[in-house]
Amino acid sequence: MQEVATRLIERIKRTDTIESFRFKPQEKIDFVPGQFLQVIFDADKKDNKELNKYLSFSSSPGKEYIEVTKRLSESVFSQKLKNLKAGDEVLLKAPLGTCVFRQDYKKIAFLIGGIGITPVISIIEYIVDNKLGTDVVLLYSNRTEEEVAFKKELDNWQEDNRNIKVIYAITDCPPRDGRCIFGRITKELLTEKIKDLNERIFFIFGPPAMTAAMSGLCYEIGCRKEDVKTENFIGY
């Protein structure tokens, strides 16, 4: 783990409320897909929980930049991100977290809602960049189609790679896109869409209530505890 000075080089709007921030680090940050970092806006008071928060890497290791992605709110931390301009310096502490992808995982699945997609992007991009043969199924739940972040990237990856399958679940209104389903991630959806459940490692990222609910589904369908990897997003 290290603290590295970085410089903002690009901002990318993913949805009306979600934005990615790309930073150029002064020295290389080595991390494993699935890990996270701490953005430090108050370097003098490291325990300032309002200004120093944790975000997942949303880029693959090996890039010349570090990307993080957040749903921006009215919080003090979000306002600091909103006000960043190209060239601004930001201190990052990384890497953190043990809920990570390993190359010996041959089949994996993700049960994800909303902003929990960020570490998933890091993992799938890593698989694509390194031309791994990992079989991937992603169940990605959002309230509306407009809230689906990284949809262009996910669509392109699954179109180019027959081992990557993405199922979008829209909960609040029937989707216009016929490739999306209307409803939540349920036991029935899991057993319908993933026929080889017992052969996969399941990753679940998100708020504690989400990870608890999705973990419960995994155990209900017979997954072994060691095959269910979770990371709670707290205070984001």
C-alpha atoms as a PDB file:
ATOM      1  CA  MET A   1       0.000   0.000   0.000  1.00  0.00           C
ATOM      2  CA  GLN A   2       1.315   3.424  -0.900  1.00  0.00           C
ATOM      3  CA  GLU A   3       0.297   7.055  -1.194  1.00  0.00           C
ATOM      4  CA  VAL A   4       0.843   8.382  -4.696  1.00  0.00           C
ATOM      5  CA  ALA A   5       0.412  11.892  -6.077  1.00  0.00           C
ATOM      6  CA  THR A   6      -1.643  11.933  -9.270  1.00  0.00           C
ATOM      7  CA  ARG A   7      -2.900  14.458 -11.796  1.00  0.00           C
ATOM      8  CA  LEU A   8      -6.400  14.495 -13.302  1.00  0.00           C
ATOM      9  CA  ILE A   9      -6.201  13.946 -17.066  1.00  0.00           C
ATOM     10  CA  GLU A  10      -9.796  13.153 -18.079  1.00  0.00           C
ATOM     11  CA  ARG A  11     -13.416  13.070 -16.932  1.00  0.00           C
ATOM     12  CA  ILE A  12     -15.977  10.777 -18.562  1.00  0.00           C
ATOM     13  CA  LYS A  13     -19.725  11.068 -17.983  1.00  0.00           C
ATOM     14  CA  ARG A  14     -21.232   7.587 -17.745  1.00  0.00           C
ATOM     15  CA  THR A  15     -24.839   8.532 -16.911  1.00  0.00           C
ATOM     16  CA  ASP A  16     -26.607  11.711 -15.756  1.00  0.00           C
ATOM     17  CA  THR A  17     -25.326  11.097 -12.212  1.00  0.00           C
ATOM     18  CA  ILE A  18     -22.268   8.840 -12.626  1.00  0.00           C
ATOM     19  CA  GLU A  19     -18.871  10.079 -13.736  1.00  0.00           C
ATOM     20  CA  SER A  20     -15.412   8.543 -14.173  1.00  0.00           C
ATOM     21  CA  PHE A  21     -12.184  10.327 -13.288  1.00  0.00           C
ATOM     22  CA  ARG A  22      -8.852   9.329 -14.811  1.00  0.00           C
ATOM     23  CA  PHE A  23      -5.626  10.196 -13.026  1.00  0.00           C
ATOM     24  CA  LYS A  24      -2.022   9.967 -14.179  1.00  0.00           C
ATOM     25  CA  PRO A  25       0.076   8.705 -11.226  1.00  0.00           C
ATOM     26  CA  GLN A  26       3.592  10.018 -10.615  1.00  0.00           C
ATOM     27  CA  GLU A  27       4.677   6.457  -9.907  1.00  0.00           C
ATOM     28  CA  LYS A  28       3.183   3.123 -10.887  1.00  0.00           C
ATOM     29  CA  ILE A  29       0.354   1.773  -8.730  1.00  0.00           C
ATOM     30  CA  ASP A  30       0.237  -2.023  -8.800  1.00  0.00           C
ATOM     31  CA  PHE A  31      -3.160  -3.494  -8.040  1.00  0.00           C
ATOM     32  CA  VAL A  32      -5.266  -6.581  -8.702  1.00  0.00           C
ATOM     33  CA  PRO A  33      -8.634  -6.377 -10.508  1.00  0.00           C
ATOM     34  CA  GLY A  34     -11.361  -5.962  -7.905  1.00  0.00           C
ATOM     35  CA  GLN A  35      -9.346  -3.838  -5.470  1.00  0.00           C
ATOM     36  CA  PHE A  36     -10.081  -0.278  -4.367  1.00  0.00           C
ATOM     37  CA  LEU A  37      -8.252   2.854  -3.280  1.00  0.00           C
ATOM     38  CA  GLN A  38      -8.692   5.895  -1.073  1.00  0.00           C
ATOM     39  CA  VAL A  39      -9.037   9.358  -2.570  1.00  0.00           C
ATOM     40  CA  ILE A  40      -7.448  11.820  -0.138  1.00  0.00           C
ATOM     41  CA  PHE A  41      -8.598  15.423  -0.390  1.00  0.00           C
ATOM     42  CA  ASP A  42      -7.522  16.282   3.167  1.00  0.00           C
ATOM     43  CA  ALA A  43      -3.905  15.145   3.433  1.00  0.00           C
ATOM     44  CA  ASP A  44      -3.416  16.953   6.758  1.00  0.00           C
ATOM     45  CA  LYS A  45      -6.214  15.039   8.450  1.00  0.00           C
ATOM     46  CA  LYS A  46      -6.208  11.510   7.068  1.00  0.00           C
ATOM     47  CA  ASP A  47      -9.138  10.449   9.282  1.00  0.00           C
ATOM     48  CA  ASN A  48     -11.445  13.051   7.693  1.00  0.00           C
ATOM     49  CA  LYS A  49     -14.231  10.726   6.535  1.00  0.00           C
ATOM     50  CA  GLU A  50     -16.025  13.493   4.652  1.00  0.00           C
ATOM     51  CA  LEU A  51     -13.130  14.300   2.349  1.00  0.00           C
ATOM     52  CA  ASN A  52     -11.113  11.057   2.249  1.00  0.00           C
ATOM     53  CA  LYS A  53     -13.218   8.247   0.806  1.00  0.00           C
ATOM     54  CA  TYR A  54     -12.823   4.832  -0.769  1.00  0.00           C
ATOM     55  CA  LEU A  55     -13.597   4.119  -4.424  1.00  0.00           C
ATOM     56  CA  SER A  56     -13.028   1.033  -6.552  1.00  0.00           C
ATOM     57  CA  PHE A  57     -10.653   0.950  -9.474  1.00  0.00           C
ATOM     58  CA  SER A  58     -12.805   1.009 -12.622  1.00  0.00           C
ATOM     59  CA  SER A  59      -9.891   0.412 -14.973  1.00  0.00           C
ATOM     60  CA  SER A  60      -7.740  -2.596 -15.690  1.00  0.00           C
ATOM     61  CA  PRO A  61      -4.237  -2.868 -14.217  1.00  0.00           C
ATOM     62  CA  GLY A  62      -1.606  -2.024 -16.790  1.00  0.00           C
ATOM     63  CA  LYS A  63      -3.188   1.181 -18.039  1.00  0.00           C
ATOM     64  CA  GLU A  64      -1.164   4.394 -17.985  1.00  0.00           C
ATOM     65  CA  TYR A  65      -3.943   5.956 -15.912  1.00  0.00           C
ATOM     66  CA  ILE A  66      -5.951   5.103 -12.796  1.00  0.00           C
ATOM     67  CA  GLU A  67      -9.716   5.412 -13.156  1.00  0.00           C
ATOM     68  CA  VAL A  68     -12.339   5.674 -10.429  1.00  0.00           C
ATOM     69  CA  THR A  69     -16.063   6.129 -10.925  1.00  0.00           C
ATOM     70  CA  LYS A  70     -18.712   7.559  -8.605  1.00  0.00           C
ATOM     71  CA  ARG A  71     -22.370   8.403  -8.500  1.00  0.00           C
ATOM     72  CA  LEU A  72     -22.126  12.097  -7.666  1.00  0.00           C
ATOM     73  CA  SER A  73     -24.347  13.460  -4.924  1.00  0.00           C
ATOM     74  CA  GLU A  74     -24.531  16.644  -2.870  1.00  0.00           C
ATOM     75  CA  SER A  75     -21.931  15.367  -0.379  1.00  0.00           C
ATOM     76  CA  VAL A  76     -18.777  17.371   0.338  1.00  0.00           C
ATOM     77  CA  PHE A  77     -16.678  14.620  -1.263  1.00  0.00           C
ATOM     78  CA  SER A  78     -18.772  14.577  -4.433  1.00  0.00           C
ATOM     79  CA  GLN A  79     -18.532  18.357  -4.682  1.00  0.00           C
ATOM     80  CA  LYS A  80     -14.740  18.113  -4.518  1.00  0.00           C
ATOM     81  CA  LEU A  81     -14.819  15.631  -7.389  1.00  0.00           C
ATOM     82  CA  LYS A  82     -17.242  17.799  -9.375  1.00  0.00           C
ATOM     83  CA  ASN A  83     -14.897  20.775  -9.075  1.00  0.00           C
ATOM     84  CA  LEU A  84     -11.798  18.947 -10.296  1.00  0.00           C
ATOM     85  CA  LYS A  85     -10.215  20.280 -13.477  1.00  0.00           C
ATOM     86  CA  ALA A  86      -7.639  18.757 -15.803  1.00  0.00           C
ATOM     87  CA  GLY A  87      -4.219  19.124 -14.227  1.00  0.00           C
ATOM     88  CA  ASP A  88      -5.439  19.193 -10.630  1.00  0.00           C
ATOM     89  CA  GLU A  89      -3.387  17.057  -8.247  1.00  0.00           C
ATOM     90  CA  VAL A  90      -5.034  14.411  -6.061  1.00  0.00           C
ATOM     91  CA  LEU A  91      -3.451  12.042  -3.550  1.00  0.00           C
ATOM     92  CA  LEU A  92      -4.426   8.363  -3.836  1.00  0.00           C
ATOM     93  CA  LYS A  93      -3.743   5.602  -1.311  1.00  0.00           C
ATOM     94  CA  ALA A  94      -3.682   2.139  -2.886  1.00  0.00           C
ATOM     95  CA  PRO A  95      -4.152  -0.726  -3.298  1.00  0.00           C
ATOM     96  CA  LEU A  96      -6.765  -1.942  -0.799  1.00  0.00           C
ATOM     97  CA  GLY A  97      -9.135  -4.903  -0.687  1.00  0.00           C
ATOM     98  CA  THR A  98      -9.005  -8.694  -0.989  1.00  0.00           C
ATOM     99  CA  CYS A  99     -12.130  -9.428  -3.072  1.00  0.00           C
ATOM    100  CA  VAL A 100     -10.161  -9.908  -6.264  1.00  0.00           C
ATOM    101  CA  PHE A 101     -10.035 -11.841  -9.528  1.00  0.00           C
ATOM    102  CA  ARG A 102      -7.452 -14.576 -10.024  1.00  0.00           C
ATOM    103  CA  GLN A 103      -6.431 -15.956 -13.385  1.00  0.00           C
ATOM    104  CA  ASP A 104      -7.092 -19.531 -12.247  1.00  0.00           C
ATOM    105  CA  TYR A 105     -10.812 -18.721 -11.945  1.00  0.00           C
ATOM    106  CA  LYS A 106     -12.128 -20.334 -15.129  1.00  0.00           C
ATOM    107  CA  LYS A 107     -15.814 -19.456 -14.640  1.00  0.00           C
ATOM    108  CA  ILE A 108     -17.091 -16.433 -12.742  1.00  0.00           C
ATOM    109  CA  ALA A 109     -20.402 -14.617 -12.226  1.00  0.00           C
ATOM    110  CA  PHE A 110     -21.301 -11.169 -10.916  1.00  0.00           C
ATOM    111  CA  LEU A 111     -24.505 -10.192  -9.077  1.00  0.00           C
ATOM    112  CA  ILE A 112     -24.411  -6.414  -9.184  1.00  0.00           C
ATOM    113  CA  GLY A 113     -26.644  -3.412  -8.662  1.00  0.00           C
ATOM    114  CA  GLY A 114     -26.023   0.218  -9.602  1.00  0.00           C
ATOM    115  CA  ILE A 115     -22.603   1.642  -8.775  1.00  0.00           C
ATOM    116  CA  GLY A 116     -21.392  -1.803  -7.691  1.00  0.00           C
ATOM    117  CA  ILE A 117     -20.425  -2.197 -11.340  1.00  0.00           C
ATOM    118  CA  THR A 118     -17.140  -0.288 -10.893  1.00  0.00           C
ATOM    119  CA  PRO A 119     -14.811  -3.142  -9.780  1.00  0.00           C
ATOM    120  CA  VAL A 120     -16.554  -5.430 -12.269  1.00  0.00           C
ATOM    121  CA  ILE A 121     -15.382  -3.165 -15.082  1.00  0.00           C
ATOM    122  CA  SER A 122     -11.804  -3.468 -13.817  1.00  0.00           C
ATOM    123  CA  ILE A 123     -12.053  -7.264 -13.795  1.00  0.00           C
ATOM    124  CA  ILE A 124     -13.730  -7.698 -17.183  1.00  0.00           C
ATOM    125  CA  GLU A 125     -11.450  -5.147 -18.850  1.00  0.00           C
ATOM    126  CA  TYR A 126      -8.467  -7.058 -17.442  1.00  0.00           C
ATOM    127  CA  ILE A 127      -9.834 -10.329 -18.862  1.00  0.00           C
ATOM    128  CA  VAL A 128     -10.356  -8.688 -22.266  1.00  0.00           C
ATOM    129  CA  ASP A 129      -6.998  -6.867 -22.296  1.00  0.00           C
ATOM    130  CA  ASN A 130      -5.114 -10.065 -21.490  1.00  0.00           C
ATOM    131  CA  LYS A 131      -7.199 -12.270 -23.813  1.00  0.00           C
ATOM    132  CA  LEU A 132      -8.015 -14.691 -21.012  1.00  0.00           C
ATOM    133  CA  GLY A 133     -10.463 -17.499 -21.636  1.00  0.00           C
ATOM    134  CA  THR A 134     -12.441 -16.818 -18.458  1.00  0.00           C
ATOM    135  CA  ASP A 135     -16.174 -17.509 -18.812  1.00  0.00           C
ATOM    136  CA  VAL A 136     -18.071 -14.484 -17.443  1.00  0.00           C
ATOM    137  CA  VAL A 137     -21.757 -13.979 -16.647  1.00  0.00           C
ATOM    138  CA  LEU A 138     -22.843 -10.577 -15.326  1.00  0.00           C
ATOM    139  CA  LEU A 139     -26.308  -9.938 -13.887  1.00  0.00           C
ATOM    140  CA  TYR A 140     -26.532  -6.151 -13.581  1.00  0.00           C
ATOM    141  CA  SER A 141     -29.562  -4.540 -11.925  1.00  0.00           C
ATOM    142  CA  ASN A 142     -30.608  -0.891 -12.203  1.00  0.00           C
ATOM    143  CA  ARG A 143     -33.828   1.002 -11.609  1.00  0.00           C
ATOM    144  CA  THR A 144     -34.015   2.417 -15.140  1.00  0.00           C
ATOM    145  CA  GLU A 145     -32.153   1.955 -18.434  1.00  0.00           C
ATOM    146  CA  GLU A 146     -30.761   5.477 -18.115  1.00  0.00           C
ATOM    147  CA  GLU A 147     -28.936   4.475 -14.919  1.00  0.00           C
ATOM    148  CA  VAL A 148     -26.968   1.644 -16.571  1.00  0.00           C
ATOM    149  CA  ALA A 149     -23.322   2.727 -16.390  1.00  0.00           C
ATOM    150  CA  PHE A 150     -20.694   1.420 -18.835  1.00  0.00           C
ATOM    151  CA  LYS A 151     -23.364  -0.096 -21.090  1.00  0.00           C
ATOM    152  CA  LYS A 152     -21.466   0.729 -24.281  1.00  0.00           C
ATOM    153  CA  GLU A 153     -18.315  -0.949 -22.977  1.00  0.00           C
ATOM    154  CA  LEU A 154     -20.179  -3.997 -21.686  1.00  0.00           C
ATOM    155  CA  ASP A 155     -22.105  -4.411 -24.946  1.00  0.00           C
ATOM    156  CA  ASN A 156     -18.912  -4.178 -26.981  1.00  0.00           C
ATOM    157  CA  TRP A 157     -17.095  -6.698 -24.812  1.00  0.00           C
ATOM    158  CA  GLN A 158     -19.822  -9.295 -25.038  1.00  0.00           C
ATOM    159  CA  GLU A 159     -20.236  -8.768 -28.777  1.00  0.00           C
ATOM    160  CA  ASP A 160     -16.517  -9.362 -29.299  1.00  0.00           C
ATOM    161  CA  ASN A 161     -16.115 -12.222 -26.818  1.00  0.00           C
ATOM    162  CA  ARG A 162     -18.394 -15.245 -26.747  1.00  0.00           C
ATOM    163  CA  ASN A 163     -17.243 -16.035 -23.190  1.00  0.00           C
ATOM    164  CA  ILE A 164     -18.773 -12.816 -21.814  1.00  0.00           C
ATOM    165  CA  LYS A 165     -22.522 -12.630 -21.210  1.00  0.00           C
ATOM    166  CA  VAL A 166     -24.334  -9.625 -19.717  1.00  0.00           C
ATOM    167  CA  ILE A 167     -27.943  -9.681 -18.486  1.00  0.00           C
ATOM    168  CA  TYR A 168     -29.419  -6.270 -17.654  1.00  0.00           C
ATOM    169  CA  ALA A 169     -32.265  -6.271 -15.111  1.00  0.00           C
ATOM    170  CA  ILE A 170     -34.428  -3.129 -14.956  1.00  0.00           C
ATOM    171  CA  THR A 171     -36.606  -2.876 -11.859  1.00  0.00           C
ATOM    172  CA  ASP A 172     -38.739   0.280 -11.997  1.00  0.00           C
ATOM    173  CA  CYS A 173     -40.252   0.223 -15.478  1.00  0.00           C
ATOM    174  CA  PRO A 174     -40.411  -2.125 -18.480  1.00  0.00           C
ATOM    175  CA  PRO A 175     -37.238  -1.561 -20.544  1.00  0.00           C
ATOM    176  CA  ARG A 176     -37.393  -0.379 -24.137  1.00  0.00           C
ATOM    177  CA  ASP A 177     -34.354  -2.454 -25.060  1.00  0.00           C
ATOM    178  CA  GLY A 178     -35.450  -6.010 -25.720  1.00  0.00           C
ATOM    179  CA  ARG A 179     -32.098  -7.276 -24.453  1.00  0.00           C
ATOM    180  CA  CYS A 180     -32.977  -6.060 -20.949  1.00  0.00           C
ATOM    181  CA  ILE A 181     -35.345  -7.914 -18.641  1.00  0.00           C
ATOM    182  CA  PHE A 182     -37.950  -6.335 -16.383  1.00  0.00           C
ATOM    183  CA  GLY A 183     -37.506  -7.384 -12.781  1.00  0.00           C
ATOM    184  CA  ARG A 184     -35.034  -8.027 -10.006  1.00  0.00           C
ATOM    185  CA  ILE A 185     -32.230 -10.539  -9.592  1.00  0.00           C
ATOM    186  CA  THR A 186     -34.000 -13.533  -8.092  1.00  0.00           C
ATOM    187  CA  LYS A 187     -33.332 -17.215  -7.463  1.00  0.00           C
ATOM    188  CA  GLU A 188     -35.441 -18.028 -10.520  1.00  0.00           C
ATOM    189  CA  LEU A 189     -33.436 -15.645 -12.711  1.00  0.00           C
ATOM    190  CA  LEU A 190     -30.166 -17.128 -11.516  1.00  0.00           C
ATOM    191  CA  THR A 191     -31.162 -20.701 -12.238  1.00  0.00           C
ATOM    192  CA  GLU A 192     -32.601 -19.694 -15.626  1.00  0.00           C
ATOM    193  CA  LYS A 193     -29.601 -17.690 -16.841  1.00  0.00           C
ATOM    194  CA  ILE A 194     -26.721 -19.613 -15.230  1.00  0.00           C
ATOM    195  CA  LYS A 195     -26.973 -23.338 -15.825  1.00  0.00           C
ATOM    196  CA  ASP A 196     -23.575 -24.201 -14.314  1.00  0.00           C
ATOM    197  CA  LEU A 197     -24.022 -22.413 -10.992  1.00  0.00           C
ATOM    198  CA  ASN A 198     -21.882 -24.829  -8.990  1.00  0.00           C
ATOM    199  CA  GLU A 199     -18.919 -24.372 -11.336  1.00  0.00           C
ATOM    200  CA  ARG A 200     -18.605 -20.618 -10.843  1.00  0.00           C
ATOM    201  CA  ILE A 201     -17.001 -18.164  -8.446  1.00  0.00           C
ATOM    202  CA  PHE A 202     -19.568 -15.462  -7.591  1.00  0.00           C
ATOM    203  CA  PHE A 203     -18.542 -11.839  -7.003  1.00  0.00           C
ATOM    204  CA  ILE A 204     -20.867  -9.417  -5.220  1.00  0.00           C
ATOM    205  CA  PHE A 205     -19.933  -5.741  -4.751  1.00  0.00           C
ATOM    206  CA  GLY A 206     -22.181  -3.049  -3.294  1.00  0.00           C
ATOM    207  CA  PRO A 207     -23.872  -1.665  -0.173  1.00  0.00           C
ATOM    208  CA  PRO A 208     -24.190  -4.128   2.753  1.00  0.00           C
ATOM    209  CA  ALA A 209     -27.910  -4.757   2.153  1.00  0.00           C
ATOM    210  CA  MET A 210     -27.251  -5.636  -1.493  1.00  0.00           C
ATOM    211  CA  THR A 211     -24.341  -7.951  -0.751  1.00  0.00           C
ATOM    212  CA  ALA A 212     -26.298  -9.684   2.008  1.00  0.00           C
ATOM    213  CA  ALA A 213     -29.319 -10.258  -0.233  1.00  0.00           C
ATOM    214  CA  MET A 214     -27.267 -11.544  -3.163  1.00  0.00           C
ATOM    215  CA  SER A 215     -25.113 -13.751  -0.925  1.00  0.00           C
ATOM    216  CA  GLY A 216     -28.312 -15.229   0.480  1.00  0.00           C
ATOM    217  CA  LEU A 217     -29.472 -16.097  -3.025  1.00  0.00           C
ATOM    218  CA  CYS A 218     -26.161 -17.816  -3.743  1.00  0.00           C
ATOM    219  CA  TYR A 219     -26.394 -19.947  -0.628  1.00  0.00           C
ATOM    220  CA  GLU A 220     -30.034 -20.727  -1.373  1.00  0.00           C
ATOM    221  CA  ILE A 221     -29.106 -22.205  -4.756  1.00  0.00           C
ATOM    222  CA  GLY A 222     -26.349 -24.294  -3.216  1.00  0.00           C
ATOM    223  CA  CYS A 223     -23.154 -22.287  -3.719  1.00  0.00           C
ATOM    224  CA  ARG A 224     -20.305 -23.075  -1.364  1.00  0.00           C
ATOM    225  CA  LYS A 225     -19.319 -20.252   0.982  1.00  0.00           C
ATOM    226  CA  GLU A 226     -15.756 -20.196  -0.376  1.00  0.00           C
ATOM    227  CA  ASP A 227     -17.129 -19.619  -3.900  1.00  0.00           C
ATOM    228  CA  VAL A 228     -18.943 -16.391  -2.936  1.00  0.00           C
ATOM    229  CA  LYS A 229     -16.689 -13.321  -2.797  1.00  0.00           C
ATOM    230  CA  THR A 230     -18.154 -10.088  -1.393  1.00  0.00           C
ATOM    231  CA  GLU A 231     -17.032  -6.495  -0.842  1.00  0.00           C
ATOM    232  CA  ASN A 232     -19.223  -4.002   1.002  1.00  0.00           C
ATOM    233  CA  PHE A 233     -19.315  -0.375  -0.143  1.00  0.00           C
ATOM    234  CA  ILE A 234     -19.608   1.673   3.057  1.00  0.00           C
ATOM    235  CA  GLY A 235     -19.788   5.431   3.311  1.00  0.00           C
ATOM    236  CA  TYR A 236     -19.443   6.105  -0.398  1.00  0.00           C
END
